[in-house]
Amino acid sequence: MSEAEKKCKCSGGKIVNGKCVMPEVTFSAFIMSLNTSALFLLGEISDPATGARKQDLVLAKHTIDTLNVLKVKTKGNLTEEEENMLGNFLYDLHMRYVKAKS
């Protein structure tokens, strides 16, 4: 695997005509990214570079609150799939946050 392929794979993009192309920006991809960030901050996901798990509950709560603001501000403007995804992420993250706090 070439160095370009490694870098592209790490960033989540695909190689197209020898160049790394990032995936399309969508609302679903955006909230998935925030969900992954929150899981990382809750210590649920290891750092891909070090393999270590760290917790930062202040930043985790901030990320969860950000997702909640998105839910409130986008009410009535999401597809059913987007609304369900966001609601499921928020429920799961709230439960994990409460567990981490105790």
PDB file of N, CA and C in Angstrom:
ATOM      1  N   MET A   1       0.851  -1.182   0.000  1.00  0.00           N
ATOM      2  CA  MET A   1       0.000   0.000   0.000  1.00  0.00           C
ATOM      3  C   MET A   1       0.891   1.237   0.000  1.00  0.00           C
ATOM      4  N   SER A   2       0.607   2.170  -0.904  1.00  0.00           N
ATOM      5  CA  SER A   2       1.426   3.382  -1.011  1.00  0.00           C
ATOM      6  C   SER A   2       1.154   4.326   0.156  1.00  0.00           C
ATOM      7  N   GLU A   3       2.031   5.296   0.340  1.00  0.00           N
ATOM      8  CA  GLU A   3       1.863   6.288   1.400  1.00  0.00           C
ATOM      9  C   GLU A   3       0.576   7.086   1.183  1.00  0.00           C
ATOM     10  N   ALA A   4       0.258   7.413  -0.062  1.00  0.00           N
ATOM     11  CA  ALA A   4      -0.970   8.166  -0.366  1.00  0.00           C
ATOM     12  C   ALA A   4      -2.205   7.366   0.022  1.00  0.00           C
ATOM     13  N   GLU A   5      -2.192   6.053  -0.234  1.00  0.00           N
ATOM     14  CA  GLU A   5      -3.326   5.209   0.129  1.00  0.00           C
ATOM     15  C   GLU A   5      -3.485   5.135   1.643  1.00  0.00           C
ATOM     16  N   LYS A   6      -2.364   5.050   2.369  1.00  0.00           N
ATOM     17  CA  LYS A   6      -2.428   5.013   3.825  1.00  0.00           C
ATOM     18  C   LYS A   6      -3.033   6.299   4.361  1.00  0.00           C
ATOM     19  N   LYS A   7      -2.545   7.429   3.871  1.00  0.00           N
ATOM     20  CA  LYS A   7      -3.065   8.708   4.344  1.00  0.00           C
ATOM     21  C   LYS A   7      -4.544   8.832   4.017  1.00  0.00           C
ATOM     22  N   CYS A   8      -4.928   8.458   2.824  1.00  0.00           N
ATOM     23  CA  CYS A   8      -6.313   8.555   2.400  1.00  0.00           C
ATOM     24  C   CYS A   8      -7.194   7.667   3.267  1.00  0.00           C
ATOM     25  N   LYS A   9      -6.748   6.457   3.510  1.00  0.00           N
ATOM     26  CA  LYS A   9      -7.531   5.533   4.317  1.00  0.00           C
ATOM     27  C   LYS A   9      -7.717   6.075   5.730  1.00  0.00           C
ATOM     28  N   CYS A  10      -6.682   6.678   6.284  1.00  0.00           N
ATOM     29  CA  CYS A  10      -6.770   7.212   7.637  1.00  0.00           C
ATOM     30  C   CYS A  10      -7.748   8.376   7.721  1.00  0.00           C
ATOM     31  N   SER A  11      -7.869   9.143   6.642  1.00  0.00           N
ATOM     32  CA  SER A  11      -8.750  10.308   6.676  1.00  0.00           C
ATOM     33  C   SER A  11     -10.187   9.958   6.323  1.00  0.00           C
ATOM     34  N   GLY A  12     -10.420   8.747   5.903  1.00  0.00           N
ATOM     35  CA  GLY A  12     -11.770   8.331   5.565  1.00  0.00           C
ATOM     36  C   GLY A  12     -12.151   8.580   4.118  1.00  0.00           C
ATOM     37  N   GLY A  13     -11.204   9.071   3.333  1.00  0.00           N
ATOM     38  CA  GLY A  13     -11.489   9.334   1.930  1.00  0.00           C
ATOM     39  C   GLY A  13     -11.260   8.113   1.068  1.00  0.00           C
ATOM     40  N   LYS A  14     -11.500   8.287  -0.238  1.00  0.00           N
ATOM     41  CA  LYS A  14     -11.267   7.226  -1.215  1.00  0.00           C
ATOM     42  C   LYS A  14     -10.309   7.746  -2.273  1.00  0.00           C
ATOM     43  N   ILE A  15      -9.570   6.818  -2.872  1.00  0.00           N
ATOM     44  CA  ILE A  15      -8.657   7.189  -3.946  1.00  0.00           C
ATOM     45  C   ILE A  15      -9.439   7.192  -5.255  1.00  0.00           C
ATOM     46  N   VAL A  16      -9.460   8.335  -5.922  1.00  0.00           N
ATOM     47  CA  VAL A  16     -10.113   8.482  -7.220  1.00  0.00           C
ATOM     48  C   VAL A  16      -9.105   9.145  -8.146  1.00  0.00           C
ATOM     49  N   ASN A  17      -8.769   8.446  -9.234  1.00  0.00           N
ATOM     50  CA  ASN A  17      -7.761   8.947 -10.187  1.00  0.00           C
ATOM     51  C   ASN A  17      -6.455   9.334  -9.497  1.00  0.00           C
ATOM     52  N   GLY A  18      -6.065   8.506  -8.520  1.00  0.00           N
ATOM     53  CA  GLY A  18      -4.800   8.729  -7.830  1.00  0.00           C
ATOM     54  C   GLY A  18      -4.840   9.798  -6.757  1.00  0.00           C
ATOM     55  N   LYS A  19      -6.011  10.384  -6.498  1.00  0.00           N
ATOM     56  CA  LYS A  19      -6.113  11.441  -5.483  1.00  0.00           C
ATOM     57  C   LYS A  19      -7.113  11.014  -4.412  1.00  0.00           C
ATOM     58  N   CYS A  20      -6.851  11.473  -3.201  1.00  0.00           N
ATOM     59  CA  CYS A  20      -7.749  11.189  -2.089  1.00  0.00           C
ATOM     60  C   CYS A  20      -8.938  12.146  -2.165  1.00  0.00           C
ATOM     61  N   VAL A  21     -10.140  11.574  -2.193  1.00  0.00           N
ATOM     62  CA  VAL A  21     -11.362  12.369  -2.255  1.00  0.00           C
ATOM     63  C   VAL A  21     -12.182  12.057  -1.007  1.00  0.00           C
ATOM     64  N   MET A  22     -12.535  13.082  -0.281  1.00  0.00           N
ATOM     65  CA  MET A  22     -13.314  12.906   0.940  1.00  0.00           C
ATOM     66  C   MET A  22     -14.765  12.599   0.588  1.00  0.00           C
ATOM     67  N   PRO A  23     -15.461  11.901   1.502  1.00  0.00           N
ATOM     68  CA  PRO A  23     -16.868  11.602   1.246  1.00  0.00           C
ATOM     69  C   PRO A  23     -17.706  12.884   1.217  1.00  0.00           C
ATOM     70  N   GLU A  24     -18.874  12.784   0.604  1.00  0.00           N
ATOM     71  CA  GLU A  24     -19.789  13.917   0.525  1.00  0.00           C
ATOM     72  C   GLU A  24     -20.171  14.378   1.931  1.00  0.00           C
ATOM     73  N   VAL A  25     -20.282  15.682   2.109  1.00  0.00           N
ATOM     74  CA  VAL A  25     -20.720  16.232   3.380  1.00  0.00           C
ATOM     75  C   VAL A  25     -22.244  16.163   3.427  1.00  0.00           C
ATOM     76  N   THR A  26     -22.745  15.431   4.420  1.00  0.00           N
ATOM     77  CA  THR A  26     -24.187  15.320   4.616  1.00  0.00           C
ATOM     78  C   THR A  26     -24.492  15.567   6.085  1.00  0.00           C
ATOM     79  N   PHE A  27     -25.748  15.844   6.385  1.00  0.00           N
ATOM     80  CA  PHE A  27     -26.137  16.036   7.775  1.00  0.00           C
ATOM     81  C   PHE A  27     -25.878  14.761   8.573  1.00  0.00           C
ATOM     82  N   SER A  28     -26.212  13.614   7.993  1.00  0.00           N
ATOM     83  CA  SER A  28     -25.994  12.337   8.682  1.00  0.00           C
ATOM     84  C   SER A  28     -24.518  12.111   8.990  1.00  0.00           C
ATOM     85  N   ALA A  29     -23.653  12.397   8.024  1.00  0.00           N
ATOM     86  CA  ALA A  29     -22.211  12.235   8.251  1.00  0.00           C
ATOM     87  C   ALA A  29     -21.727  13.190   9.342  1.00  0.00           C
ATOM     88  N   PHE A  30     -22.268  14.396   9.346  1.00  0.00           N
ATOM     89  CA  PHE A  30     -21.891  15.387  10.357  1.00  0.00           C
ATOM     90  C   PHE A  30     -22.274  14.915  11.757  1.00  0.00           C
ATOM     91  N   ILE A  31     -23.512  14.433  11.943  1.00  0.00           N
ATOM     92  CA  ILE A  31     -23.894  14.001  13.286  1.00  0.00           C
ATOM     93  C   ILE A  31     -23.208  12.691  13.672  1.00  0.00           C
ATOM     94  N   MET A  32     -22.884  11.855  12.684  1.00  0.00           N
ATOM     95  CA  MET A  32     -22.094  10.652  12.988  1.00  0.00           C
ATOM     96  C   MET A  32     -20.712  11.047  13.504  1.00  0.00           C
ATOM     97  N   SER A  33     -20.137  12.074  12.905  1.00  0.00           N
ATOM     98  CA  SER A  33     -18.833  12.562  13.334  1.00  0.00           C
ATOM     99  C   SER A  33     -18.892  13.084  14.771  1.00  0.00           C
ATOM    100  N   LEU A  34     -19.927  13.852  15.083  1.00  0.00           N
ATOM    101  CA  LEU A  34     -20.075  14.359  16.453  1.00  0.00           C
ATOM    102  C   LEU A  34     -20.326  13.218  17.431  1.00  0.00           C
ATOM    103  N   ASN A  35     -21.096  12.222  17.026  1.00  0.00           N
ATOM    104  CA  ASN A  35     -21.339  11.062  17.873  1.00  0.00           C
ATOM    105  C   ASN A  35     -20.025  10.325  18.168  1.00  0.00           C
ATOM    106  N   THR A  36     -19.216  10.134  17.141  1.00  0.00           N
ATOM    107  CA  THR A  36     -17.927   9.465  17.319  1.00  0.00           C
ATOM    108  C   THR A  36     -17.026  10.275  18.251  1.00  0.00           C
ATOM    109  N   SER A  37     -17.026  11.591  18.088  1.00  0.00           N
ATOM    110  CA  SER A  37     -16.235  12.453  18.972  1.00  0.00           C
ATOM    111  C   SER A  37     -16.687  12.306  20.415  1.00  0.00           C
ATOM    112  N   ALA A  38     -17.996  12.294  20.641  1.00  0.00           N
ATOM    113  CA  ALA A  38     -18.514  12.142  21.997  1.00  0.00           C
ATOM    114  C   ALA A  38     -18.130  10.786  22.585  1.00  0.00           C
ATOM    115  N   LEU A  39     -18.234   9.733  21.777  1.00  0.00           N
ATOM    116  CA  LEU A  39     -17.840   8.406  22.261  1.00  0.00           C
ATOM    117  C   LEU A  39     -16.358   8.372  22.624  1.00  0.00           C
ATOM    118  N   PHE A  40     -15.528   9.014  21.820  1.00  0.00           N
ATOM    119  CA  PHE A  40     -14.103   9.095  22.111  1.00  0.00           C
ATOM    120  C   PHE A  40     -13.880   9.838  23.432  1.00  0.00           C
ATOM    121  N   LEU A  41     -14.573  10.958  23.614  1.00  0.00           N
ATOM    122  CA  LEU A  41     -14.413  11.761  24.828  1.00  0.00           C
ATOM    123  C   LEU A  41     -14.967  11.065  26.065  1.00  0.00           C
ATOM    124  N   LEU A  42     -15.915  10.173  25.878  1.00  0.00           N
ATOM    125  CA  LEU A  42     -16.435   9.378  26.993  1.00  0.00           C
ATOM    126  C   LEU A  42     -15.521   8.205  27.328  1.00  0.00           C
ATOM    127  N   GLY A  43     -14.488   7.997  26.523  1.00  0.00           N
ATOM    128  CA  GLY A  43     -13.568   6.892  26.758  1.00  0.00           C
ATOM    129  C   GLY A  43     -14.062   5.578  26.193  1.00  0.00           C
ATOM    130  N   GLU A  44     -15.062   5.627  25.326  1.00  0.00           N
ATOM    131  CA  GLU A  44     -15.634   4.417  24.738  1.00  0.00           C
ATOM    132  C   GLU A  44     -14.852   3.939  23.523  1.00  0.00           C
ATOM    133  N   ILE A  45     -14.100   4.836  22.905  1.00  0.00           N
ATOM    134  CA  ILE A  45     -13.323   4.518  21.701  1.00  0.00           C
ATOM    135  C   ILE A  45     -11.862   4.856  21.984  1.00  0.00           C
ATOM    136  N   SER A  46     -10.977   3.973  21.560  1.00  0.00           N
ATOM    137  CA  SER A  46      -9.539   4.195  21.742  1.00  0.00           C
ATOM    138  C   SER A  46      -9.007   5.214  20.742  1.00  0.00           C
ATOM    139  N   ASP A  47      -7.976   5.923  21.145  1.00  0.00           N
ATOM    140  CA  ASP A  47      -7.267   6.823  20.238  1.00  0.00           C
ATOM    141  C   ASP A  47      -6.612   5.965  19.165  1.00  0.00           C
ATOM    142  N   PRO A  48      -6.918   6.207  17.887  1.00  0.00           N
ATOM    143  CA  PRO A  48      -6.363   5.345  16.836  1.00  0.00           C
ATOM    144  C   PRO A  48      -4.833   5.413  16.751  1.00  0.00           C
ATOM    145  N   ALA A  49      -4.245   6.521  17.173  1.00  0.00           N
ATOM    146  CA  ALA A  49      -2.792   6.666  17.091  1.00  0.00           C
ATOM    147  C   ALA A  49      -2.075   5.943  18.222  1.00  0.00           C
ATOM    148  N   THR A  50      -2.662   5.987  19.439  1.00  0.00           N
ATOM    149  CA  THR A  50      -1.973   5.423  20.600  1.00  0.00           C
ATOM    150  C   THR A  50      -2.625   4.165  21.157  1.00  0.00           C
ATOM    151  N   GLY A  51      -3.893   3.962  20.835  1.00  0.00           N
ATOM    152  CA  GLY A  51      -4.629   2.839  21.400  1.00  0.00           C
ATOM    153  C   GLY A  51      -5.134   3.103  22.800  1.00  0.00           C
ATOM    154  N   ALA A  52      -4.804   4.267  23.349  1.00  0.00           N
ATOM    155  CA  ALA A  52      -5.216   4.613  24.715  1.00  0.00           C
ATOM    156  C   ALA A  52      -6.652   5.131  24.735  1.00  0.00           C
ATOM    157  N   ARG A  53      -7.305   4.893  25.852  1.00  0.00           N
ATOM    158  CA  ARG A  53      -8.643   5.442  26.069  1.00  0.00           C
ATOM    159  C   ARG A  53      -8.537   6.519  27.136  1.00  0.00           C
ATOM    160  N   LYS A  54      -9.092   7.672  26.822  1.00  0.00           N
ATOM    161  CA  LYS A  54      -9.092   8.792  27.758  1.00  0.00           C
ATOM    162  C   LYS A  54     -10.508   9.292  27.911  1.00  0.00           C
ATOM    163  N   GLN A  55     -10.776   9.907  29.050  1.00  0.00           N
ATOM    164  CA  GLN A  55     -12.088  10.501  29.285  1.00  0.00           C
ATOM    165  C   GLN A  55     -11.944  11.990  29.511  1.00  0.00           C
ATOM    166  N   ASP A  56     -12.803  12.751  28.886  1.00  0.00           N
ATOM    167  CA  ASP A  56     -12.923  14.179  29.156  1.00  0.00           C
ATOM    168  C   ASP A  56     -14.416  14.454  29.189  1.00  0.00           C
ATOM    169  N   LEU A  57     -14.996  14.335  30.388  1.00  0.00           N
ATOM    170  CA  LEU A  57     -16.441  14.434  30.518  1.00  0.00           C
ATOM    171  C   LEU A  57     -16.965  15.836  30.249  1.00  0.00           C
ATOM    172  N   VAL A  58     -16.146  16.854  30.483  1.00  0.00           N
ATOM    173  CA  VAL A  58     -16.572  18.224  30.185  1.00  0.00           C
ATOM    174  C   VAL A  58     -16.763  18.398  28.682  1.00  0.00           C
ATOM    175  N   LEU A  59     -15.774  17.968  27.903  1.00  0.00           N
ATOM    176  CA  LEU A  59     -15.891  18.068  26.444  1.00  0.00           C
ATOM    177  C   LEU A  59     -16.947  17.107  25.889  1.00  0.00           C
ATOM    178  N   ALA A  60     -17.082  15.944  26.521  1.00  0.00           N
ATOM    179  CA  ALA A  60     -18.119  15.002  26.093  1.00  0.00           C
ATOM    180  C   ALA A  60     -19.495  15.635  26.254  1.00  0.00           C
ATOM    181  N   LYS A  61     -19.733  16.272  27.403  1.00  0.00           N
ATOM    182  CA  LYS A  61     -21.026  16.932  27.639  1.00  0.00           C
ATOM    183  C   LYS A  61     -21.237  18.061  26.640  1.00  0.00           C
ATOM    184  N   HIS A  62     -20.193  18.803  26.341  1.00  0.00           N
ATOM    185  CA  HIS A  62     -20.302  19.893  25.366  1.00  0.00           C
ATOM    186  C   HIS A  62     -20.707  19.354  23.994  1.00  0.00           C
ATOM    187  N   THR A  63     -20.133  18.238  23.596  1.00  0.00           N
ATOM    188  CA  THR A  63     -20.454  17.628  22.303  1.00  0.00           C
ATOM    189  C   THR A  63     -21.889  17.111  22.298  1.00  0.00           C
ATOM    190  N   ILE A  64     -22.312  16.497  23.393  1.00  0.00           N
ATOM    191  CA  ILE A  64     -23.696  16.022  23.508  1.00  0.00           C
ATOM    192  C   ILE A  64     -24.655  17.205  23.460  1.00  0.00           C
ATOM    193  N   ASP A  65     -24.306  18.284  24.156  1.00  0.00           N
ATOM    194  CA  ASP A  65     -25.140  19.489  24.132  1.00  0.00           C
ATOM    195  C   ASP A  65     -25.213  20.082  22.721  1.00  0.00           C
ATOM    196  N   THR A  66     -24.115  20.005  21.988  1.00  0.00           N
ATOM    197  CA  THR A  66     -24.098  20.488  20.605  1.00  0.00           C
ATOM    198  C   THR A  66     -25.073  19.689  19.746  1.00  0.00           C
ATOM    199  N   LEU A  67     -25.069  18.375  19.907  1.00  0.00           N
ATOM    200  CA  LEU A  67     -26.017  17.535  19.180  1.00  0.00           C
ATOM    201  C   LEU A  67     -27.456  17.882  19.562  1.00  0.00           C
ATOM    202  N   ASN A  68     -27.680  18.181  20.840  1.00  0.00           N
ATOM    203  CA  ASN A  68     -29.023  18.549  21.287  1.00  0.00           C
ATOM    204  C   ASN A  68     -29.466  19.877  20.661  1.00  0.00           C
ATOM    205  N   VAL A  69     -28.557  20.838  20.564  1.00  0.00           N
ATOM    206  CA  VAL A  69     -28.878  22.112  19.914  1.00  0.00           C
ATOM    207  C   VAL A  69     -29.256  21.862  18.452  1.00  0.00           C
ATOM    208  N   LEU A  70     -28.505  21.004  17.784  1.00  0.00           N
ATOM    209  CA  LEU A  70     -28.828  20.668  16.393  1.00  0.00           C
ATOM    210  C   LEU A  70     -30.224  20.051  16.291  1.00  0.00           C
ATOM    211  N   LYS A  71     -30.562  19.193  17.251  1.00  0.00           N
ATOM    212  CA  LYS A  71     -31.892  18.565  17.236  1.00  0.00           C
ATOM    213  C   LYS A  71     -32.982  19.627  17.360  1.00  0.00           C
ATOM    214  N   VAL A  72     -32.801  20.554  18.287  1.00  0.00           N
ATOM    215  CA  VAL A  72     -33.798  21.597  18.517  1.00  0.00           C
ATOM    216  C   VAL A  72     -33.897  22.532  17.308  1.00  0.00           C
ATOM    217  N   LYS A  73     -32.760  22.963  16.793  1.00  0.00           N
ATOM    218  CA  LYS A  73     -32.739  23.956  15.713  1.00  0.00           C
ATOM    219  C   LYS A  73     -33.142  23.389  14.352  1.00  0.00           C
ATOM    220  N   THR A  74     -33.052  22.080  14.189  1.00  0.00           N
ATOM    221  CA  THR A  74     -33.406  21.491  12.893  1.00  0.00           C
ATOM    222  C   THR A  74     -34.778  20.819  12.916  1.00  0.00           C
ATOM    223  N   LYS A  75     -35.493  20.942  14.039  1.00  0.00           N
ATOM    224  CA  LYS A  75     -36.809  20.294  14.173  1.00  0.00           C
ATOM    225  C   LYS A  75     -37.712  20.690  13.007  1.00  0.00           C
ATOM    226  N   GLY A  76     -38.275  19.685  12.361  1.00  0.00           N
ATOM    227  CA  GLY A  76     -39.168  19.912  11.233  1.00  0.00           C
ATOM    228  C   GLY A  76     -38.454  20.027   9.896  1.00  0.00           C
ATOM    229  N   ASN A  77     -37.123  19.993   9.910  1.00  0.00           N
ATOM    230  CA  ASN A  77     -36.357  20.134   8.675  1.00  0.00           C
ATOM    231  C   ASN A  77     -35.510  18.911   8.342  1.00  0.00           C
ATOM    232  N   LEU A  78     -35.674  17.850   9.097  1.00  0.00           N
ATOM    233  CA  LEU A  78     -34.887  16.637   8.879  1.00  0.00           C
ATOM    234  C   LEU A  78     -35.753  15.558   8.249  1.00  0.00           C
ATOM    235  N   THR A  79     -35.092  14.653   7.555  1.00  0.00           N
ATOM    236  CA  THR A  79     -35.811  13.468   7.097  1.00  0.00           C
ATOM    237  C   THR A  79     -36.099  12.602   8.320  1.00  0.00           C
ATOM    238  N   GLU A  80     -37.005  11.665   8.177  1.00  0.00           N
ATOM    239  CA  GLU A  80     -37.314  10.765   9.284  1.00  0.00           C
ATOM    240  C   GLU A  80     -36.074   9.991   9.715  1.00  0.00           C
ATOM    241  N   GLU A  81     -35.278   9.567   8.735  1.00  0.00           N
ATOM    242  CA  GLU A  81     -34.043   8.823   9.034  1.00  0.00           C
ATOM    243  C   GLU A  81     -33.063   9.687   9.827  1.00  0.00           C
ATOM    244  N   GLU A  82     -32.877  10.934   9.418  1.00  0.00           N
ATOM    245  CA  GLU A  82     -31.961  11.839  10.126  1.00  0.00           C
ATOM    246  C   GLU A  82     -32.456  12.111  11.544  1.00  0.00           C
ATOM    247  N   GLU A  83     -33.754  12.348  11.679  1.00  0.00           N
ATOM    248  CA  GLU A  83     -34.335  12.619  12.990  1.00  0.00           C
ATOM    249  C   GLU A  83     -34.175  11.424  13.928  1.00  0.00           C
ATOM    250  N   ASN A  84     -34.428  10.225  13.411  1.00  0.00           N
ATOM    251  CA  ASN A  84     -34.269   9.007  14.220  1.00  0.00           C
ATOM    252  C   ASN A  84     -32.816   8.792  14.617  1.00  0.00           C
ATOM    253  N   MET A  85     -31.913   8.998  13.670  1.00  0.00           N
ATOM    254  CA  MET A  85     -30.496   8.816  13.957  1.00  0.00           C
ATOM    255  C   MET A  85     -30.046   9.770  15.061  1.00  0.00           C
ATOM    256  N   LEU A  86     -30.416  11.018  14.921  1.00  0.00           N
ATOM    257  CA  LEU A  86     -30.022  12.020  15.912  1.00  0.00           C
ATOM    258  C   LEU A  86     -30.624  11.695  17.272  1.00  0.00           C
ATOM    259  N   GLY A  87     -31.887  11.326  17.302  1.00  0.00           N
ATOM    260  CA  GLY A  87     -32.532  10.966  18.564  1.00  0.00           C
ATOM    261  C   GLY A  87     -31.891   9.747  19.215  1.00  0.00           C
ATOM    262  N   ASN A  88     -31.578   8.743  18.414  1.00  0.00           N
ATOM    263  CA  ASN A  88     -30.928   7.533  18.945  1.00  0.00           C
ATOM    264  C   ASN A  88     -29.530   7.838  19.475  1.00  0.00           C
ATOM    265  N   PHE A  89     -28.784   8.646  18.733  1.00  0.00           N
ATOM    266  CA  PHE A  89     -27.446   9.029  19.197  1.00  0.00           C
ATOM    267  C   PHE A  89     -27.541   9.759  20.536  1.00  0.00           C
ATOM    268  N   LEU A  90     -28.459  10.714  20.614  1.00  0.00           N
ATOM    269  CA  LEU A  90     -28.586  11.488  21.856  1.00  0.00           C
ATOM    270  C   LEU A  90     -28.976  10.607  23.031  1.00  0.00           C
ATOM    271  N   TYR A  91     -29.923   9.720  22.833  1.00  0.00           N
ATOM    272  CA  TYR A  91     -30.328   8.827  23.919  1.00  0.00           C
ATOM    273  C   TYR A  91     -29.139   7.982  24.388  1.00  0.00           C
ATOM    274  N   ASP A  92     -28.448   7.364  23.434  1.00  0.00           N
ATOM    275  CA  ASP A  92     -27.305   6.512  23.761  1.00  0.00           C
ATOM    276  C   ASP A  92     -26.206   7.305  24.473  1.00  0.00           C
ATOM    277  N   LEU A  93     -25.896   8.477  23.961  1.00  0.00           N
ATOM    278  CA  LEU A  93     -24.834   9.290  24.569  1.00  0.00           C
ATOM    279  C   LEU A  93     -25.217   9.763  25.963  1.00  0.00           C
ATOM    280  N   HIS A  94     -26.479  10.139  26.152  1.00  0.00           N
ATOM    281  CA  HIS A  94     -26.915  10.534  27.502  1.00  0.00           C
ATOM    282  C   HIS A  94     -26.746   9.381  28.483  1.00  0.00           C
ATOM    283  N   MET A  95     -27.137   8.177  28.085  1.00  0.00           N
ATOM    284  CA  MET A  95     -27.014   7.026  28.971  1.00  0.00           C
ATOM    285  C   MET A  95     -25.541   6.730  29.289  1.00  0.00           C
ATOM    286  N   ARG A  96     -24.692   6.812  28.279  1.00  0.00           N
ATOM    287  CA  ARG A  96     -23.261   6.564  28.496  1.00  0.00           C
ATOM    288  C   ARG A  96     -22.640   7.654  29.376  1.00  0.00           C
ATOM    289  N   TYR A  97     -23.088   8.899  29.207  1.00  0.00           N
ATOM    290  CA  TYR A  97     -22.568  10.001  30.009  1.00  0.00           C
ATOM    291  C   TYR A  97     -22.955   9.809  31.474  1.00  0.00           C
ATOM    292  N   VAL A  98     -24.216   9.481  31.723  1.00  0.00           N
ATOM    293  CA  VAL A  98     -24.675   9.257  33.103  1.00  0.00           C
ATOM    294  C   VAL A  98     -23.867   8.130  33.745  1.00  0.00           C
ATOM    295  N   LYS A  99     -23.645   7.056  32.996  1.00  0.00           N
ATOM    296  CA  LYS A  99     -22.860   5.925  33.506  1.00  0.00           C
ATOM    297  C   LYS A  99     -21.426   6.354  33.808  1.00  0.00           C
ATOM    298  N   ALA A 100     -20.841   7.151  32.925  1.00  0.00           N
ATOM    299  CA  ALA A 100     -19.456   7.596  33.123  1.00  0.00           C
ATOM    300  C   ALA A 100     -19.338   8.540  34.330  1.00  0.00           C
ATOM    301  N   LYS A 101     -20.377   9.343  34.567  1.00  0.00           N
ATOM    302  CA  LYS A 101     -20.350  10.286  35.695  1.00  0.00           C
ATOM    303  C   LYS A 101     -20.436   9.580  37.030  1.00  0.00           C
ATOM    304  N   SER A 102     -21.080   8.395  37.076  1.00  0.00           N
ATOM    305  CA  SER A 102     -21.282   7.722  38.355  1.00  0.00           C
ATOM    306  C   SER A 102     -20.127   6.825  38.740  1.00  0.00           C
TER     307      SER A 102
END
